[in-house]
């Protein structure tokens, strides 16, 4: 079973979200503090222990790949990975989804100026986005070189499936290969967000189903 070796804490400062307006001036800032709770011992063996309190694995962090927006790679109107929804499935049944956007943070990537898919609340609830010539382009949030910190409606457990709905436009395949990476986390006893150092999987694009394992 995959083991998560360490986590880092994220302290949210100055959340200033305006309703339905998440432009760069109103984004919440997040700072990352290295805070290792679990590590390998001197023999290199797993010395995995929990941090000593109950963790409710209810947070998802999704990171846009730097190359999605940097170096002039700006798709008109919807730069970066386009996130429609994230859903939890347990025993094959829909169990949960994004209930709250906790913060949006500018990543190391350079953002594009033109982004008309800039409402993070489009990620709330069940999948309802469209991205094709027939149905139009709506119902999703373009990361635009940023990181989204999301609160799920239910606590995640090992063996749950996490379905990431990233919009993939078959009409323009080359322009819609925009990678993203997913991490799981919880609020620690200090009320800060804490996430695993290891991603749930490698970089992905499009709709992906990830099986959760390794949570202590």
C-alpha atoms as a PDB file:
ATOM      1  CA  UNK A   1       0.000   0.000   0.000  1.00  0.00           C
ATOM      2  CA  UNK A   2       1.253   3.455  -0.851  1.00  0.00           C
ATOM      3  CA  UNK A   3       2.379   5.424   2.208  1.00  0.00           C
ATOM      4  CA  UNK A   4       2.295   9.180   2.491  1.00  0.00           C
ATOM      5  CA  UNK A   5       5.617  10.087   4.091  1.00  0.00           C
ATOM      6  CA  UNK A   6       5.041  13.693   5.022  1.00  0.00           C
ATOM      7  CA  UNK A   7       2.603  16.573   4.823  1.00  0.00           C
ATOM      8  CA  UNK A   8       2.900  20.305   4.616  1.00  0.00           C
ATOM      9  CA  UNK A   9       0.641  22.875   6.178  1.00  0.00           C
ATOM     10  CA  UNK A  10      -1.009  25.710   4.325  1.00  0.00           C
ATOM     11  CA  UNK A  11      -2.056  28.790   6.253  1.00  0.00           C
ATOM     12  CA  UNK A  12      -4.732  30.840   4.557  1.00  0.00           C
ATOM     13  CA  UNK A  13      -4.265  34.587   4.943  1.00  0.00           C
ATOM     14  CA  UNK A  14      -6.543  37.416   3.962  1.00  0.00           C
ATOM     15  CA  UNK A  15      -9.351  35.638   2.113  1.00  0.00           C
ATOM     16  CA  UNK A  16     -11.073  38.383   0.190  1.00  0.00           C
ATOM     17  CA  UNK A  17     -13.389  36.594  -2.201  1.00  0.00           C
ATOM     18  CA  UNK A  18     -16.022  38.771  -3.831  1.00  0.00           C
ATOM     19  CA  UNK A  19     -19.222  37.004  -4.801  1.00  0.00           C
ATOM     20  CA  UNK A  20     -18.882  35.559  -8.338  1.00  0.00           C
ATOM     21  CA  UNK A  21     -15.698  37.601  -8.856  1.00  0.00           C
ATOM     22  CA  UNK A  22     -12.412  35.832  -8.283  1.00  0.00           C
ATOM     23  CA  UNK A  23     -10.038  38.030 -10.242  1.00  0.00           C
ATOM     24  CA  UNK A  24      -6.404  38.425  -9.258  1.00  0.00           C
ATOM     25  CA  UNK A  25      -7.140  41.330  -6.928  1.00  0.00           C
ATOM     26  CA  UNK A  26      -9.584  39.248  -4.885  1.00  0.00           C
ATOM     27  CA  UNK A  27      -7.753  35.931  -4.650  1.00  0.00           C
ATOM     28  CA  UNK A  28      -6.999  34.408  -1.285  1.00  0.00           C
ATOM     29  CA  UNK A  29      -3.298  34.147  -0.553  1.00  0.00           C
ATOM     30  CA  UNK A  30      -1.841  30.967   0.882  1.00  0.00           C
ATOM     31  CA  UNK A  31       1.593  30.469   2.369  1.00  0.00           C
ATOM     32  CA  UNK A  32       3.253  27.070   2.675  1.00  0.00           C
ATOM     33  CA  UNK A  33       5.141  26.064   5.802  1.00  0.00           C
ATOM     34  CA  UNK A  34       7.296  22.908   5.737  1.00  0.00           C
ATOM     35  CA  UNK A  35       6.043  20.804   8.628  1.00  0.00           C
ATOM     36  CA  UNK A  36       7.073  17.157   8.532  1.00  0.00           C
ATOM     37  CA  UNK A  37       4.954  14.894  10.701  1.00  0.00           C
ATOM     38  CA  UNK A  38       5.973  11.575   9.160  1.00  0.00           C
ATOM     39  CA  UNK A  39       9.327  10.500   7.768  1.00  0.00           C
ATOM     40  CA  UNK A  40      11.591   7.528   7.183  1.00  0.00           C
ATOM     41  CA  UNK A  41      13.801   6.338  10.037  1.00  0.00           C
ATOM     42  CA  UNK A  42      17.591   6.028   9.774  1.00  0.00           C
ATOM     43  CA  UNK A  43      17.340   2.535   8.285  1.00  0.00           C
ATOM     44  CA  UNK A  44      15.233   3.794   5.405  1.00  0.00           C
ATOM     45  CA  UNK A  45      12.247   1.809   6.639  1.00  0.00           C
ATOM     46  CA  UNK A  46       8.798   3.325   6.744  1.00  0.00           C
ATOM     47  CA  UNK A  47       8.247   4.953  10.125  1.00  0.00           C
ATOM     48  CA  UNK A  48       4.721   6.029   9.304  1.00  0.00           C
ATOM     49  CA  UNK A  49       2.715   7.378  12.216  1.00  0.00           C
ATOM     50  CA  UNK A  50      -0.209   9.711  12.365  1.00  0.00           C
ATOM     51  CA  UNK A  51       0.331  13.216  13.729  1.00  0.00           C
ATOM     52  CA  UNK A  52      -1.554  12.419  16.937  1.00  0.00           C
ATOM     53  CA  UNK A  53      -5.014  13.752  16.212  1.00  0.00           C
ATOM     54  CA  UNK A  54      -8.036  12.790  14.159  1.00  0.00           C
ATOM     55  CA  UNK A  55      -7.758  13.721  10.482  1.00  0.00           C
ATOM     56  CA  UNK A  56     -10.831  14.305   8.387  1.00  0.00           C
ATOM     57  CA  UNK A  57      -9.595  13.907   4.822  1.00  0.00           C
ATOM     58  CA  UNK A  58     -11.945  16.429   3.243  1.00  0.00           C
ATOM     59  CA  UNK A  59      -9.646  18.734   1.265  1.00  0.00           C
ATOM     60  CA  UNK A  60      -8.460  18.516  -2.332  1.00  0.00           C
ATOM     61  CA  UNK A  61      -5.687  20.666  -3.777  1.00  0.00           C
ATOM     62  CA  UNK A  62      -5.496  20.816  -7.570  1.00  0.00           C
ATOM     63  CA  UNK A  63      -2.459  22.406  -9.234  1.00  0.00           C
ATOM     64  CA  UNK A  64      -2.211  23.696 -12.780  1.00  0.00           C
ATOM     65  CA  UNK A  65       0.902  22.673 -14.727  1.00  0.00           C
ATOM     66  CA  UNK A  66       3.304  25.560 -15.331  1.00  0.00           C
ATOM     67  CA  UNK A  67       3.488  24.952 -19.070  1.00  0.00           C
ATOM     68  CA  UNK A  68      -0.284  25.403 -19.412  1.00  0.00           C
ATOM     69  CA  UNK A  69       0.075  29.190 -19.271  1.00  0.00           C
ATOM     70  CA  UNK A  70       3.799  30.013 -19.299  1.00  0.00           C
ATOM     71  CA  UNK A  71       5.816  30.583 -22.451  1.00  0.00           C
ATOM     72  CA  UNK A  72       2.929  32.095 -24.351  1.00  0.00           C
ATOM     73  CA  UNK A  73       0.695  29.006 -24.103  1.00  0.00           C
ATOM     74  CA  UNK A  74      -2.508  30.973 -23.590  1.00  0.00           C
ATOM     75  CA  UNK A  75      -5.659  29.424 -25.026  1.00  0.00           C
ATOM     76  CA  UNK A  76      -8.129  32.183 -25.778  1.00  0.00           C
ATOM     77  CA  UNK A  77     -10.621  32.669 -22.979  1.00  0.00           C
ATOM     78  CA  UNK A  78      -9.904  29.570 -20.899  1.00  0.00           C
ATOM     79  CA  UNK A  79      -6.204  29.158 -20.038  1.00  0.00           C
ATOM     80  CA  UNK A  80      -4.929  26.211 -18.012  1.00  0.00           C
ATOM     81  CA  UNK A  81      -6.685  23.052 -16.901  1.00  0.00           C
ATOM     82  CA  UNK A  82     -10.461  23.529 -16.974  1.00  0.00           C
ATOM     83  CA  UNK A  83     -12.087  22.027 -13.873  1.00  0.00           C
ATOM     84  CA  UNK A  84     -15.795  21.272 -14.023  1.00  0.00           C
ATOM     85  CA  UNK A  85     -16.170  19.213 -10.831  1.00  0.00           C
ATOM     86  CA  UNK A  86     -14.603  16.686  -8.487  1.00  0.00           C
ATOM     87  CA  UNK A  87     -16.776  13.818  -7.256  1.00  0.00           C
ATOM     88  CA  UNK A  88     -16.268  11.083  -4.659  1.00  0.00           C
ATOM     89  CA  UNK A  89     -17.585   7.590  -5.379  1.00  0.00           C
ATOM     90  CA  UNK A  90     -17.860   4.920  -2.679  1.00  0.00           C
ATOM     91  CA  UNK A  91     -18.704   1.331  -3.612  1.00  0.00           C
ATOM     92  CA  UNK A  92     -19.678   2.545  -7.063  1.00  0.00           C
ATOM     93  CA  UNK A  93     -22.159   5.170  -5.841  1.00  0.00           C
ATOM     94  CA  UNK A  94     -21.843   8.955  -5.990  1.00  0.00           C
ATOM     95  CA  UNK A  95     -20.979  10.011  -2.445  1.00  0.00           C
ATOM     96  CA  UNK A  96     -19.690  13.584  -2.439  1.00  0.00           C
ATOM     97  CA  UNK A  97     -18.522  16.622  -4.399  1.00  0.00           C
ATOM     98  CA  UNK A  98     -16.929  20.042  -3.911  1.00  0.00           C
ATOM     99  CA  UNK A  99     -18.942  22.019  -1.371  1.00  0.00           C
ATOM    100  CA  UNK A 100     -16.702  25.066  -0.932  1.00  0.00           C
ATOM    101  CA  UNK A 101     -13.774  26.848  -2.572  1.00  0.00           C
ATOM    102  CA  UNK A 102     -11.437  27.531   0.355  1.00  0.00           C
ATOM    103  CA  UNK A 103      -8.817  29.532  -1.557  1.00  0.00           C
ATOM    104  CA  UNK A 104      -7.304  30.236  -4.968  1.00  0.00           C
ATOM    105  CA  UNK A 105      -3.540  30.860  -5.042  1.00  0.00           C
ATOM    106  CA  UNK A 106      -1.338  32.026  -7.890  1.00  0.00           C
ATOM    107  CA  UNK A 107       1.158  29.265  -8.680  1.00  0.00           C
ATOM    108  CA  UNK A 108       4.703  29.773  -9.986  1.00  0.00           C
ATOM    109  CA  UNK A 109       3.215  29.855 -13.498  1.00  0.00           C
ATOM    110  CA  UNK A 110       2.660  33.102 -15.377  1.00  0.00           C
ATOM    111  CA  UNK A 111      -1.099  33.734 -15.742  1.00  0.00           C
ATOM    112  CA  UNK A 112      -2.736  34.670 -19.012  1.00  0.00           C
ATOM    113  CA  UNK A 113      -4.491  38.008 -19.291  1.00  0.00           C
ATOM    114  CA  UNK A 114      -7.613  36.670 -21.004  1.00  0.00           C
ATOM    115  CA  UNK A 115      -9.702  34.263 -18.888  1.00  0.00           C
ATOM    116  CA  UNK A 116     -13.476  34.337 -19.186  1.00  0.00           C
ATOM    117  CA  UNK A 117     -13.851  31.113 -17.159  1.00  0.00           C
ATOM    118  CA  UNK A 118     -12.758  32.692 -13.890  1.00  0.00           C
ATOM    119  CA  UNK A 119     -15.542  31.808 -11.440  1.00  0.00           C
ATOM    120  CA  UNK A 120     -14.300  29.067  -9.030  1.00  0.00           C
ATOM    121  CA  UNK A 121     -17.867  28.382  -7.920  1.00  0.00           C
ATOM    122  CA  UNK A 122     -18.321  26.562 -11.226  1.00  0.00           C
ATOM    123  CA  UNK A 123     -16.435  23.684  -9.531  1.00  0.00           C
ATOM    124  CA  UNK A 124     -19.131  23.262  -6.870  1.00  0.00           C
ATOM    125  CA  UNK A 125     -21.569  20.362  -6.979  1.00  0.00           C
ATOM    126  CA  UNK A 126     -21.877  17.617  -9.550  1.00  0.00           C
ATOM    127  CA  UNK A 127     -20.442  17.685 -13.049  1.00  0.00           C
ATOM    128  CA  UNK A 128     -22.410  19.907 -15.431  1.00  0.00           C
ATOM    129  CA  UNK A 129     -19.817  21.502 -17.720  1.00  0.00           C
ATOM    130  CA  UNK A 130     -19.703  21.431 -21.511  1.00  0.00           C
ATOM    131  CA  UNK A 131     -16.789  22.010 -23.879  1.00  0.00           C
ATOM    132  CA  UNK A 132     -17.611  21.347 -27.509  1.00  0.00           C
ATOM    133  CA  UNK A 133     -18.867  23.155 -30.553  1.00  0.00           C
ATOM    134  CA  UNK A 134     -22.390  21.738 -30.317  1.00  0.00           C
ATOM    135  CA  UNK A 135     -23.119  22.406 -26.622  1.00  0.00           C
ATOM    136  CA  UNK A 136     -20.853  25.399 -26.119  1.00  0.00           C
ATOM    137  CA  UNK A 137     -18.254  26.108 -23.451  1.00  0.00           C
ATOM    138  CA  UNK A 138     -19.617  26.661 -19.958  1.00  0.00           C
ATOM    139  CA  UNK A 139     -19.795  25.349 -16.395  1.00  0.00           C
ATOM    140  CA  UNK A 140     -16.112  25.125 -15.529  1.00  0.00           C
ATOM    141  CA  UNK A 141     -13.219  27.074 -13.984  1.00  0.00           C
ATOM    142  CA  UNK A 142      -9.915  27.621 -15.822  1.00  0.00           C
ATOM    143  CA  UNK A 143      -7.013  27.339 -13.383  1.00  0.00           C
ATOM    144  CA  UNK A 144      -4.847  29.763 -15.396  1.00  0.00           C
ATOM    145  CA  UNK A 145      -1.600  28.790 -13.668  1.00  0.00           C
ATOM    146  CA  UNK A 146      -3.150  28.693 -10.188  1.00  0.00           C
ATOM    147  CA  UNK A 147      -3.824  26.296  -7.320  1.00  0.00           C
ATOM    148  CA  UNK A 148      -7.352  25.608  -6.063  1.00  0.00           C
ATOM    149  CA  UNK A 149      -7.977  24.498  -2.469  1.00  0.00           C
ATOM    150  CA  UNK A 150     -11.340  22.757  -2.272  1.00  0.00           C
ATOM    151  CA  UNK A 151     -13.501  21.417   0.558  1.00  0.00           C
ATOM    152  CA  UNK A 152     -15.411  18.223  -0.239  1.00  0.00           C
ATOM    153  CA  UNK A 153     -18.926  17.593   1.047  1.00  0.00           C
ATOM    154  CA  UNK A 154     -17.895  14.234   2.558  1.00  0.00           C
ATOM    155  CA  UNK A 155     -14.786  12.838   4.223  1.00  0.00           C
ATOM    156  CA  UNK A 156     -12.675  10.675   1.919  1.00  0.00           C
ATOM    157  CA  UNK A 157     -11.459   7.202   2.866  1.00  0.00           C
ATOM    158  CA  UNK A 158      -9.165   4.557   1.416  1.00  0.00           C
ATOM    159  CA  UNK A 159     -10.675   2.743  -1.584  1.00  0.00           C
ATOM    160  CA  UNK A 160     -12.912   5.698  -2.472  1.00  0.00           C
ATOM    161  CA  UNK A 161     -12.689   6.821  -6.082  1.00  0.00           C
ATOM    162  CA  UNK A 162     -12.059  10.489  -6.855  1.00  0.00           C
ATOM    163  CA  UNK A 163     -13.269  11.543 -10.301  1.00  0.00           C
ATOM    164  CA  UNK A 164     -11.724  14.743 -11.663  1.00  0.00           C
ATOM    165  CA  UNK A 165     -13.786  16.311 -14.451  1.00  0.00           C
ATOM    166  CA  UNK A 166     -11.313  18.344 -16.482  1.00  0.00           C
ATOM    167  CA  UNK A 167     -12.867  19.573 -19.722  1.00  0.00           C
ATOM    168  CA  UNK A 168     -11.396  17.988 -22.855  1.00  0.00           C
ATOM    169  CA  UNK A 169     -12.503  19.417 -26.177  1.00  0.00           C
ATOM    170  CA  UNK A 170     -12.315  16.676 -28.808  1.00  0.00           C
ATOM    171  CA  UNK A 171     -12.791  19.333 -31.492  1.00  0.00           C
ATOM    172  CA  UNK A 172      -9.376  20.810 -30.666  1.00  0.00           C
ATOM    173  CA  UNK A 173      -7.349  18.046 -29.040  1.00  0.00           C
ATOM    174  CA  UNK A 174      -3.940  19.717 -29.123  1.00  0.00           C
ATOM    175  CA  UNK A 175      -5.158  22.862 -27.357  1.00  0.00           C
ATOM    176  CA  UNK A 176      -6.902  20.952 -24.574  1.00  0.00           C
ATOM    177  CA  UNK A 177      -4.059  18.775 -23.295  1.00  0.00           C
ATOM    178  CA  UNK A 178      -3.529  20.759 -20.095  1.00  0.00           C
ATOM    179  CA  UNK A 179      -2.106  18.811 -17.179  1.00  0.00           C
ATOM    180  CA  UNK A 180      -3.038  19.117 -13.523  1.00  0.00           C
ATOM    181  CA  UNK A 181      -2.028  17.366 -10.299  1.00  0.00           C
ATOM    182  CA  UNK A 182      -4.149  16.414  -7.270  1.00  0.00           C
ATOM    183  CA  UNK A 183      -3.290  16.239  -3.548  1.00  0.00           C
ATOM    184  CA  UNK A 184      -5.457  15.277  -0.563  1.00  0.00           C
ATOM    185  CA  UNK A 185      -5.549  17.021   2.792  1.00  0.00           C
ATOM    186  CA  UNK A 186      -7.351  17.944   5.992  1.00  0.00           C
ATOM    187  CA  UNK A 187      -7.615  20.769   8.523  1.00  0.00           C
ATOM    188  CA  UNK A 188      -5.094  20.138  11.292  1.00  0.00           C
ATOM    189  CA  UNK A 189      -5.619  20.830  14.978  1.00  0.00           C
ATOM    190  CA  UNK A 190      -4.485  24.451  14.498  1.00  0.00           C
ATOM    191  CA  UNK A 191      -7.116  25.005  11.836  1.00  0.00           C
ATOM    192  CA  UNK A 192      -4.569  25.142   9.008  1.00  0.00           C
ATOM    193  CA  UNK A 193      -4.875  23.176   5.789  1.00  0.00           C
ATOM    194  CA  UNK A 194      -2.414  20.284   5.553  1.00  0.00           C
ATOM    195  CA  UNK A 195      -1.740  18.223   2.424  1.00  0.00           C
ATOM    196  CA  UNK A 196       0.289  15.171   1.504  1.00  0.00           C
ATOM    197  CA  UNK A 197       3.671  15.791  -0.100  1.00  0.00           C
ATOM    198  CA  UNK A 198       2.874  13.044  -2.614  1.00  0.00           C
ATOM    199  CA  UNK A 199       0.249  13.606  -5.286  1.00  0.00           C
ATOM    200  CA  UNK A 200      -2.579  11.101  -5.652  1.00  0.00           C
ATOM    201  CA  UNK A 201      -1.161  10.333  -9.116  1.00  0.00           C
ATOM    202  CA  UNK A 202       1.140  11.692 -11.785  1.00  0.00           C
ATOM    203  CA  UNK A 203       0.098  14.627 -13.980  1.00  0.00           C
ATOM    204  CA  UNK A 204      -3.274  14.073 -15.638  1.00  0.00           C
ATOM    205  CA  UNK A 205      -5.413  15.620 -18.348  1.00  0.00           C
ATOM    206  CA  UNK A 206      -9.111  15.209 -19.117  1.00  0.00           C
ATOM    207  CA  UNK A 207     -11.510  13.192 -16.953  1.00  0.00           C
ATOM    208  CA  UNK A 208      -9.579  10.897 -14.600  1.00  0.00           C
ATOM    209  CA  UNK A 209     -10.667   8.413 -11.907  1.00  0.00           C
ATOM    210  CA  UNK A 210      -8.202   8.080  -9.032  1.00  0.00           C
ATOM    211  CA  UNK A 211      -8.427   5.361  -6.364  1.00  0.00           C
ATOM    212  CA  UNK A 212      -7.522   6.655  -2.896  1.00  0.00           C
ATOM    213  CA  UNK A 213      -5.148   4.590  -0.775  1.00  0.00           C
ATOM    214  CA  UNK A 214      -2.437   5.153   1.821  1.00  0.00           C
ATOM    215  CA  UNK A 215      -4.441   7.429   4.143  1.00  0.00           C
ATOM    216  CA  UNK A 216      -3.583   6.695   7.766  1.00  0.00           C
END
